Amino acid sequence: QLQASGGGLVQAGGSLRLSCTNSGRAFSSYSMGWFRQSPGKERELLAALRWTGGSTYYADSVKGRFTVSRDNAKNAVYLQMNSLNPEDTAVYYCAAGRLLMDITAAHNYNYWGQGTQVTVSS
């Protein structure tokens, strides 16, 4: 079970930190990804961490603004979002893939949490 939280309404230029907790066991063996989807647009992979550590992916649209991190002791993954703009408005999802090596493909993720809404006002 994945549960994302931390969304909300923020002004352009502001920051939010999303959290995703995994109630399952062996969290450290899961690669984790953050996605978003807004109406009329395809789901977009924003950032991901491979379970082995040492490999991180960022989409060009968020590179330099968003930072993904994880705390295996807390079974949690985070997405720190800075310099938000209205184009970042979307529902944000976390996803997990056990022993997943190719973290760049959405179809590789097996488990999905309920999304959390992020709205950025201009």
N, C-alpha and C. Protein backbone atom coordinates (compact mmCIF):
# COMPACT_ATOMS: atom_id res chain seq x y z
N GLN A 1 0.84 -1.18 0.00
CA GLN A 1 0.00 0.00 0.00
C GLN A 1 0.88 1.24 0.00
N LEU A 2 0.65 2.09 -0.98
CA LEU A 2 1.38 3.35 -1.06
C LEU A 2 0.41 4.48 -0.78
N GLN A 3 0.89 5.45 -0.03
CA GLN A 3 0.06 6.59 0.30
C GLN A 3 0.86 7.86 0.10
N ALA A 4 0.41 8.68 -0.84
CA ALA A 4 1.06 9.96 -1.09
C ALA A 4 0.34 11.06 -0.34
N SER A 5 1.10 12.04 0.11
CA SER A 5 0.53 13.17 0.83
C SER A 5 1.42 14.39 0.63
N GLY A 6 0.91 15.53 1.07
CA GLY A 6 1.70 16.75 1.02
C GLY A 6 1.29 17.73 -0.06
N GLY A 7 0.33 17.35 -0.88
CA GLY A 7 -0.13 18.28 -1.91
C GLY A 7 -0.90 19.43 -1.32
N GLY A 8 -1.21 20.38 -2.18
CA GLY A 8 -1.97 21.53 -1.72
C GLY A 8 -1.92 22.66 -2.72
N LEU A 9 -2.32 23.82 -2.26
CA LEU A 9 -2.33 25.02 -3.07
C LEU A 9 -1.15 25.90 -2.68
N VAL A 10 -0.39 26.32 -3.67
CA VAL A 10 0.78 27.16 -3.42
C VAL A 10 0.89 28.20 -4.53
N GLN A 11 1.47 29.32 -4.19
CA GLN A 11 1.67 30.36 -5.19
C GLN A 11 2.89 30.05 -6.04
N ALA A 12 2.87 30.60 -7.22
CA ALA A 12 4.02 30.43 -8.11
C ALA A 12 5.29 30.90 -7.41
N GLY A 13 6.34 30.11 -7.59
CA GLY A 13 7.60 30.40 -6.93
C GLY A 13 7.76 29.72 -5.59
N GLY A 14 6.68 29.14 -5.11
CA GLY A 14 6.71 28.48 -3.81
C GLY A 14 7.21 27.06 -3.87
N SER A 15 7.15 26.40 -2.72
CA SER A 15 7.66 25.03 -2.58
C SER A 15 6.64 24.14 -1.88
N LEU A 16 6.75 22.87 -2.19
CA LEU A 16 5.99 21.84 -1.49
C LEU A 16 6.88 20.61 -1.35
N ARG A 17 6.59 19.84 -0.35
CA ARG A 17 7.30 18.57 -0.18
C ARG A 17 6.27 17.45 -0.12
N LEU A 18 6.33 16.56 -1.07
CA LEU A 18 5.44 15.42 -1.10
C LEU A 18 6.09 14.24 -0.39
N SER A 19 5.26 13.46 0.26
CA SER A 19 5.73 12.25 0.93
C SER A 19 4.95 11.06 0.43
N CYS A 20 5.59 9.93 0.43
CA CYS A 20 4.93 8.69 0.03
C CYS A 20 5.43 7.60 0.97
N THR A 21 4.52 6.98 1.66
CA THR A 21 4.89 5.91 2.58
C THR A 21 4.42 4.57 2.02
N ASN A 22 5.19 3.56 2.33
CA ASN A 22 4.94 2.21 1.87
C ASN A 22 4.73 1.32 3.08
N SER A 23 3.52 0.81 3.22
CA SER A 23 3.23 0.01 4.40
C SER A 23 3.71 -1.43 4.26
N GLY A 24 4.18 -1.79 3.07
CA GLY A 24 4.65 -3.15 2.86
C GLY A 24 6.03 -3.37 3.45
N ARG A 25 6.48 -4.59 3.38
CA ARG A 25 7.79 -4.93 3.90
C ARG A 25 8.85 -4.80 2.82
N ALA A 26 10.08 -4.86 3.21
CA ALA A 26 11.20 -4.85 2.27
C ALA A 26 11.17 -3.63 1.38
N PHE A 27 10.89 -2.47 1.96
CA PHE A 27 10.82 -1.24 1.19
C PHE A 27 12.13 -0.97 0.45
N SER A 28 13.23 -1.34 1.07
CA SER A 28 14.53 -1.04 0.47
C SER A 28 14.76 -1.77 -0.84
N SER A 29 13.96 -2.78 -1.13
CA SER A 29 14.13 -3.53 -2.38
C SER A 29 13.27 -2.98 -3.51
N TYR A 30 12.62 -1.85 -3.26
CA TYR A 30 11.75 -1.25 -4.27
C TYR A 30 12.37 0.03 -4.83
N SER A 31 12.40 0.11 -6.15
CA SER A 31 12.68 1.39 -6.79
C SER A 31 11.40 2.22 -6.69
N MET A 32 11.57 3.52 -6.53
CA MET A 32 10.43 4.40 -6.32
C MET A 32 10.42 5.52 -7.35
N GLY A 33 9.22 5.84 -7.81
CA GLY A 33 9.10 6.91 -8.78
C GLY A 33 7.98 7.86 -8.42
N TRP A 34 8.13 9.09 -8.87
CA TRP A 34 7.08 10.11 -8.75
C TRP A 34 6.60 10.47 -10.15
N PHE A 35 5.30 10.48 -10.30
CA PHE A 35 4.65 10.80 -11.57
C PHE A 35 3.64 11.92 -11.34
N ARG A 36 3.20 12.51 -12.42
CA ARG A 36 2.09 13.45 -12.34
C ARG A 36 1.24 13.35 -13.60
N GLN A 37 0.01 13.76 -13.45
CA GLN A 37 -0.89 13.78 -14.59
C GLN A 37 -1.88 14.92 -14.40
N SER A 38 -2.03 15.70 -15.44
CA SER A 38 -3.02 16.77 -15.44
C SER A 38 -4.02 16.50 -16.54
N PRO A 39 -5.19 17.08 -16.47
CA PRO A 39 -6.26 16.80 -17.44
C PRO A 39 -5.80 17.02 -18.88
N GLY A 40 -6.06 16.03 -19.71
CA GLY A 40 -5.72 16.13 -21.11
C GLY A 40 -4.29 15.85 -21.45
N LYS A 41 -3.49 15.51 -20.43
CA LYS A 41 -2.07 15.22 -20.67
C LYS A 41 -1.75 13.80 -20.25
N GLU A 42 -0.71 13.27 -20.84
CA GLU A 42 -0.27 11.93 -20.47
C GLU A 42 0.44 11.96 -19.12
N ARG A 43 0.43 10.81 -18.48
CA ARG A 43 1.16 10.67 -17.23
C ARG A 43 2.65 10.86 -17.49
N GLU A 44 3.28 11.60 -16.62
CA GLU A 44 4.68 11.96 -16.81
C GLU A 44 5.51 11.49 -15.62
N LEU A 45 6.58 10.80 -15.92
CA LEU A 45 7.54 10.42 -14.88
C LEU A 45 8.41 11.62 -14.57
N LEU A 46 8.46 12.00 -13.32
CA LEU A 46 9.21 13.19 -12.91
C LEU A 46 10.57 12.85 -12.33
N ALA A 47 10.59 11.88 -11.43
CA ALA A 47 11.82 11.56 -10.73
C ALA A 47 11.73 10.14 -10.21
N ALA A 48 12.87 9.51 -10.10
CA ALA A 48 12.88 8.12 -9.62
C ALA A 48 14.21 7.79 -8.99
N LEU A 49 14.15 6.83 -8.07
CA LEU A 49 15.33 6.33 -7.38
C LEU A 49 15.38 4.82 -7.53
N ARG A 50 16.51 4.29 -7.97
CA ARG A 50 16.66 2.86 -8.07
C ARG A 50 16.91 2.27 -6.69
N TRP A 51 16.39 1.07 -6.47
CA TRP A 51 16.48 0.45 -5.15
C TRP A 51 17.91 0.17 -4.72
N THR A 52 18.80 0.01 -5.67
CA THR A 52 20.19 -0.28 -5.36
C THR A 52 20.94 0.95 -4.85
N GLY A 53 20.32 2.11 -5.05
CA GLY A 53 21.01 3.35 -4.70
C GLY A 53 21.96 3.77 -5.80
N GLY A 54 22.32 5.02 -5.81
CA GLY A 54 23.29 5.50 -6.77
C GLY A 54 22.75 5.81 -8.14
N SER A 55 21.47 5.62 -8.36
CA SER A 55 20.90 5.95 -9.67
C SER A 55 19.61 6.72 -9.47
N THR A 56 19.61 7.91 -10.03
CA THR A 56 18.46 8.79 -9.91
C THR A 56 18.10 9.31 -11.29
N TYR A 57 16.81 9.46 -11.51
CA TYR A 57 16.33 10.00 -12.78
C TYR A 57 15.48 11.24 -12.51
N TYR A 58 15.67 12.26 -13.36
CA TYR A 58 14.82 13.45 -13.34
C TYR A 58 14.39 13.78 -14.77
N ALA A 59 13.14 14.10 -14.92
CA ALA A 59 12.67 14.62 -16.20
C ALA A 59 13.23 16.02 -16.42
N ASP A 60 13.42 16.37 -17.67
CA ASP A 60 13.96 17.70 -17.98
C ASP A 60 13.07 18.81 -17.43
N SER A 61 11.78 18.54 -17.35
CA SER A 61 10.84 19.57 -16.92
C SER A 61 11.00 19.94 -15.45
N VAL A 62 11.65 19.08 -14.67
CA VAL A 62 11.79 19.35 -13.23
C VAL A 62 13.23 19.38 -12.76
N LYS A 63 14.14 19.08 -13.65
CA LYS A 63 15.55 19.01 -13.28
C LYS A 63 16.00 20.37 -12.74
N GLY A 64 16.66 20.33 -11.59
CA GLY A 64 17.12 21.56 -10.96
C GLY A 64 16.11 22.19 -10.04
N ARG A 65 14.86 21.76 -10.11
CA ARG A 65 13.81 22.31 -9.24
C ARG A 65 13.30 21.29 -8.23
N PHE A 66 13.24 20.03 -8.65
CA PHE A 66 12.71 18.96 -7.80
C PHE A 66 13.84 18.06 -7.35
N THR A 67 13.69 17.52 -6.14
CA THR A 67 14.67 16.58 -5.60
C THR A 67 13.95 15.40 -4.98
N VAL A 68 14.33 14.22 -5.39
CA VAL A 68 13.74 13.00 -4.84
C VAL A 68 14.72 12.39 -3.83
N SER A 69 14.17 11.88 -2.76
CA SER A 69 14.99 11.23 -1.74
C SER A 69 14.17 10.14 -1.06
N ARG A 70 14.85 9.30 -0.33
CA ARG A 70 14.14 8.23 0.37
C ARG A 70 14.77 8.02 1.73
N ASP A 71 13.95 7.49 2.62
CA ASP A 71 14.39 7.11 3.96
C ASP A 71 13.89 5.69 4.18
N ASN A 72 14.76 4.72 3.98
CA ASN A 72 14.33 3.32 4.08
C ASN A 72 13.90 2.97 5.50
N ALA A 73 14.47 3.63 6.48
CA ALA A 73 14.09 3.35 7.87
C ALA A 73 12.65 3.74 8.14
N LYS A 74 12.17 4.73 7.38
CA LYS A 74 10.79 5.19 7.55
C LYS A 74 9.88 4.68 6.45
N ASN A 75 10.41 3.82 5.57
CA ASN A 75 9.61 3.33 4.44
C ASN A 75 8.97 4.48 3.68
N ALA A 76 9.77 5.49 3.39
CA ALA A 76 9.21 6.69 2.78
C ALA A 76 10.10 7.21 1.67
N VAL A 77 9.46 7.83 0.71
CA VAL A 77 10.16 8.54 -0.36
C VAL A 77 9.55 9.93 -0.43
N TYR A 78 10.38 10.90 -0.78
CA TYR A 78 9.96 12.30 -0.76
C TYR A 78 10.23 12.95 -2.11
N LEU A 79 9.47 13.99 -2.38
CA LEU A 79 9.72 14.82 -3.56
C LEU A 79 9.67 16.28 -3.10
N GLN A 80 10.83 16.89 -3.03
CA GLN A 80 10.92 18.31 -2.69
C GLN A 80 10.77 19.10 -3.98
N MET A 81 9.77 19.97 -4.01
CA MET A 81 9.47 20.73 -5.22
C MET A 81 9.66 22.21 -4.94
N ASN A 82 10.58 22.81 -5.65
CA ASN A 82 10.86 24.23 -5.49
C ASN A 82 10.56 24.98 -6.78
N SER A 83 10.48 26.28 -6.68
CA SER A 83 10.23 27.15 -7.84
C SER A 83 9.04 26.65 -8.66
N LEU A 84 7.98 26.36 -7.97
CA LEU A 84 6.80 25.83 -8.66
C LEU A 84 6.17 26.89 -9.55
N ASN A 85 5.60 26.43 -10.65
CA ASN A 85 4.88 27.31 -11.56
C ASN A 85 3.55 26.68 -11.92
N PRO A 86 2.64 27.45 -12.49
CA PRO A 86 1.30 26.91 -12.77
C PRO A 86 1.31 25.65 -13.64
N GLU A 87 2.34 25.48 -14.46
CA GLU A 87 2.41 24.27 -15.30
C GLU A 87 2.68 23.02 -14.47
N ASP A 88 3.04 23.18 -13.22
CA ASP A 88 3.25 22.03 -12.34
C ASP A 88 1.95 21.55 -11.71
N THR A 89 0.87 22.23 -11.96
CA THR A 89 -0.42 21.82 -11.42
C THR A 89 -0.83 20.47 -12.00
N ALA A 90 -1.09 19.52 -11.12
CA ALA A 90 -1.41 18.16 -11.54
C ALA A 90 -1.72 17.32 -10.32
N VAL A 91 -2.16 16.10 -10.57
CA VAL A 91 -2.23 15.10 -9.51
C VAL A 91 -0.90 14.35 -9.53
N TYR A 92 -0.29 14.26 -8.38
CA TYR A 92 1.02 13.62 -8.26
C TYR A 92 0.86 12.24 -7.62
N TYR A 93 1.56 11.27 -8.19
CA TYR A 93 1.48 9.89 -7.75
C TYR A 93 2.87 9.35 -7.43
N CYS A 94 2.93 8.48 -6.44
CA CYS A 94 4.15 7.71 -6.25
C CYS A 94 3.89 6.28 -6.71
N ALA A 95 4.95 5.63 -7.11
CA ALA A 95 4.84 4.26 -7.61
C ALA A 95 6.08 3.48 -7.20
N ALA A 96 5.92 2.17 -7.14
CA ALA A 96 7.01 1.31 -6.70
C ALA A 96 7.17 0.12 -7.62
N GLY A 97 8.39 -0.32 -7.78
CA GLY A 97 8.68 -1.52 -8.53
C GLY A 97 9.73 -2.33 -7.81
N ARG A 98 9.40 -3.56 -7.46
CA ARG A 98 10.33 -4.38 -6.69
C ARG A 98 11.51 -4.82 -7.54
N LEU A 99 12.70 -4.54 -7.04
CA LEU A 99 13.96 -4.89 -7.70
C LEU A 99 14.04 -4.30 -9.11
N LEU A 100 13.36 -3.21 -9.32
CA LEU A 100 13.29 -2.58 -10.63
C LEU A 100 14.60 -1.89 -10.97
N MET A 101 15.14 -2.23 -12.12
CA MET A 101 16.40 -1.63 -12.56
C MET A 101 16.18 -0.49 -13.55
N ASP A 102 15.28 -0.67 -14.50
CA ASP A 102 14.98 0.40 -15.45
C ASP A 102 13.92 1.29 -14.84
N ILE A 103 14.36 2.37 -14.21
CA ILE A 103 13.43 3.23 -13.47
C ILE A 103 12.82 4.30 -14.36
N THR A 104 13.13 4.30 -15.65
CA THR A 104 12.66 5.37 -16.52
C THR A 104 11.37 5.06 -17.25
N ALA A 105 10.87 3.84 -17.12
CA ALA A 105 9.67 3.44 -17.86
C ALA A 105 8.51 3.24 -16.91
N ALA A 106 7.43 3.95 -17.14
CA ALA A 106 6.29 3.89 -16.24
C ALA A 106 5.70 2.48 -16.15
N HIS A 107 5.69 1.76 -17.24
CA HIS A 107 5.05 0.45 -17.24
C HIS A 107 5.79 -0.57 -16.38
N ASN A 108 6.99 -0.23 -15.93
CA ASN A 108 7.75 -1.14 -15.08
C ASN A 108 7.32 -1.09 -13.62
N TYR A 109 6.57 -0.08 -13.25
CA TYR A 109 6.17 0.07 -11.85
C TYR A 109 4.90 -0.74 -11.59
N ASN A 110 4.94 -1.53 -10.54
CA ASN A 110 3.85 -2.46 -10.26
C ASN A 110 2.81 -1.91 -9.30
N TYR A 111 3.23 -1.03 -8.44
CA TYR A 111 2.34 -0.57 -7.37
C TYR A 111 2.21 0.95 -7.44
N TRP A 112 0.97 1.39 -7.29
CA TRP A 112 0.68 2.81 -7.40
C TRP A 112 -0.13 3.27 -6.20
N GLY A 113 0.19 4.46 -5.75
CA GLY A 113 -0.58 5.03 -4.67
C GLY A 113 -1.66 5.94 -5.20
N GLN A 114 -2.56 6.32 -4.33
CA GLN A 114 -3.52 7.34 -4.68
C GLN A 114 -2.79 8.68 -4.81
N GLY A 115 -3.24 9.48 -5.71
CA GLY A 115 -2.55 10.72 -5.97
C GLY A 115 -2.85 11.80 -4.94
N THR A 116 -2.04 12.83 -5.00
CA THR A 116 -2.25 14.02 -4.19
C THR A 116 -2.22 15.23 -5.12
N GLN A 117 -3.20 16.09 -4.95
CA GLN A 117 -3.35 17.23 -5.85
C GLN A 117 -2.39 18.35 -5.49
N VAL A 118 -1.72 18.86 -6.51
CA VAL A 118 -0.86 20.04 -6.37
C VAL A 118 -1.40 21.10 -7.30
N THR A 119 -1.71 22.25 -6.74
CA THR A 119 -2.22 23.36 -7.53
C THR A 119 -1.34 24.57 -7.29
N VAL A 120 -0.83 25.13 -8.38
CA VAL A 120 0.06 26.29 -8.29
C VAL A 120 -0.67 27.47 -8.93
N SER A 121 -0.87 28.50 -8.13
CA SER A 121 -1.58 29.68 -8.63
C SER A 121 -0.58 30.72 -9.13
N SER A 122 -1.01 31.45 -10.13
CA SER A 122 -0.12 32.47 -10.72
C SER A 122 -0.22 33.80 -9.99
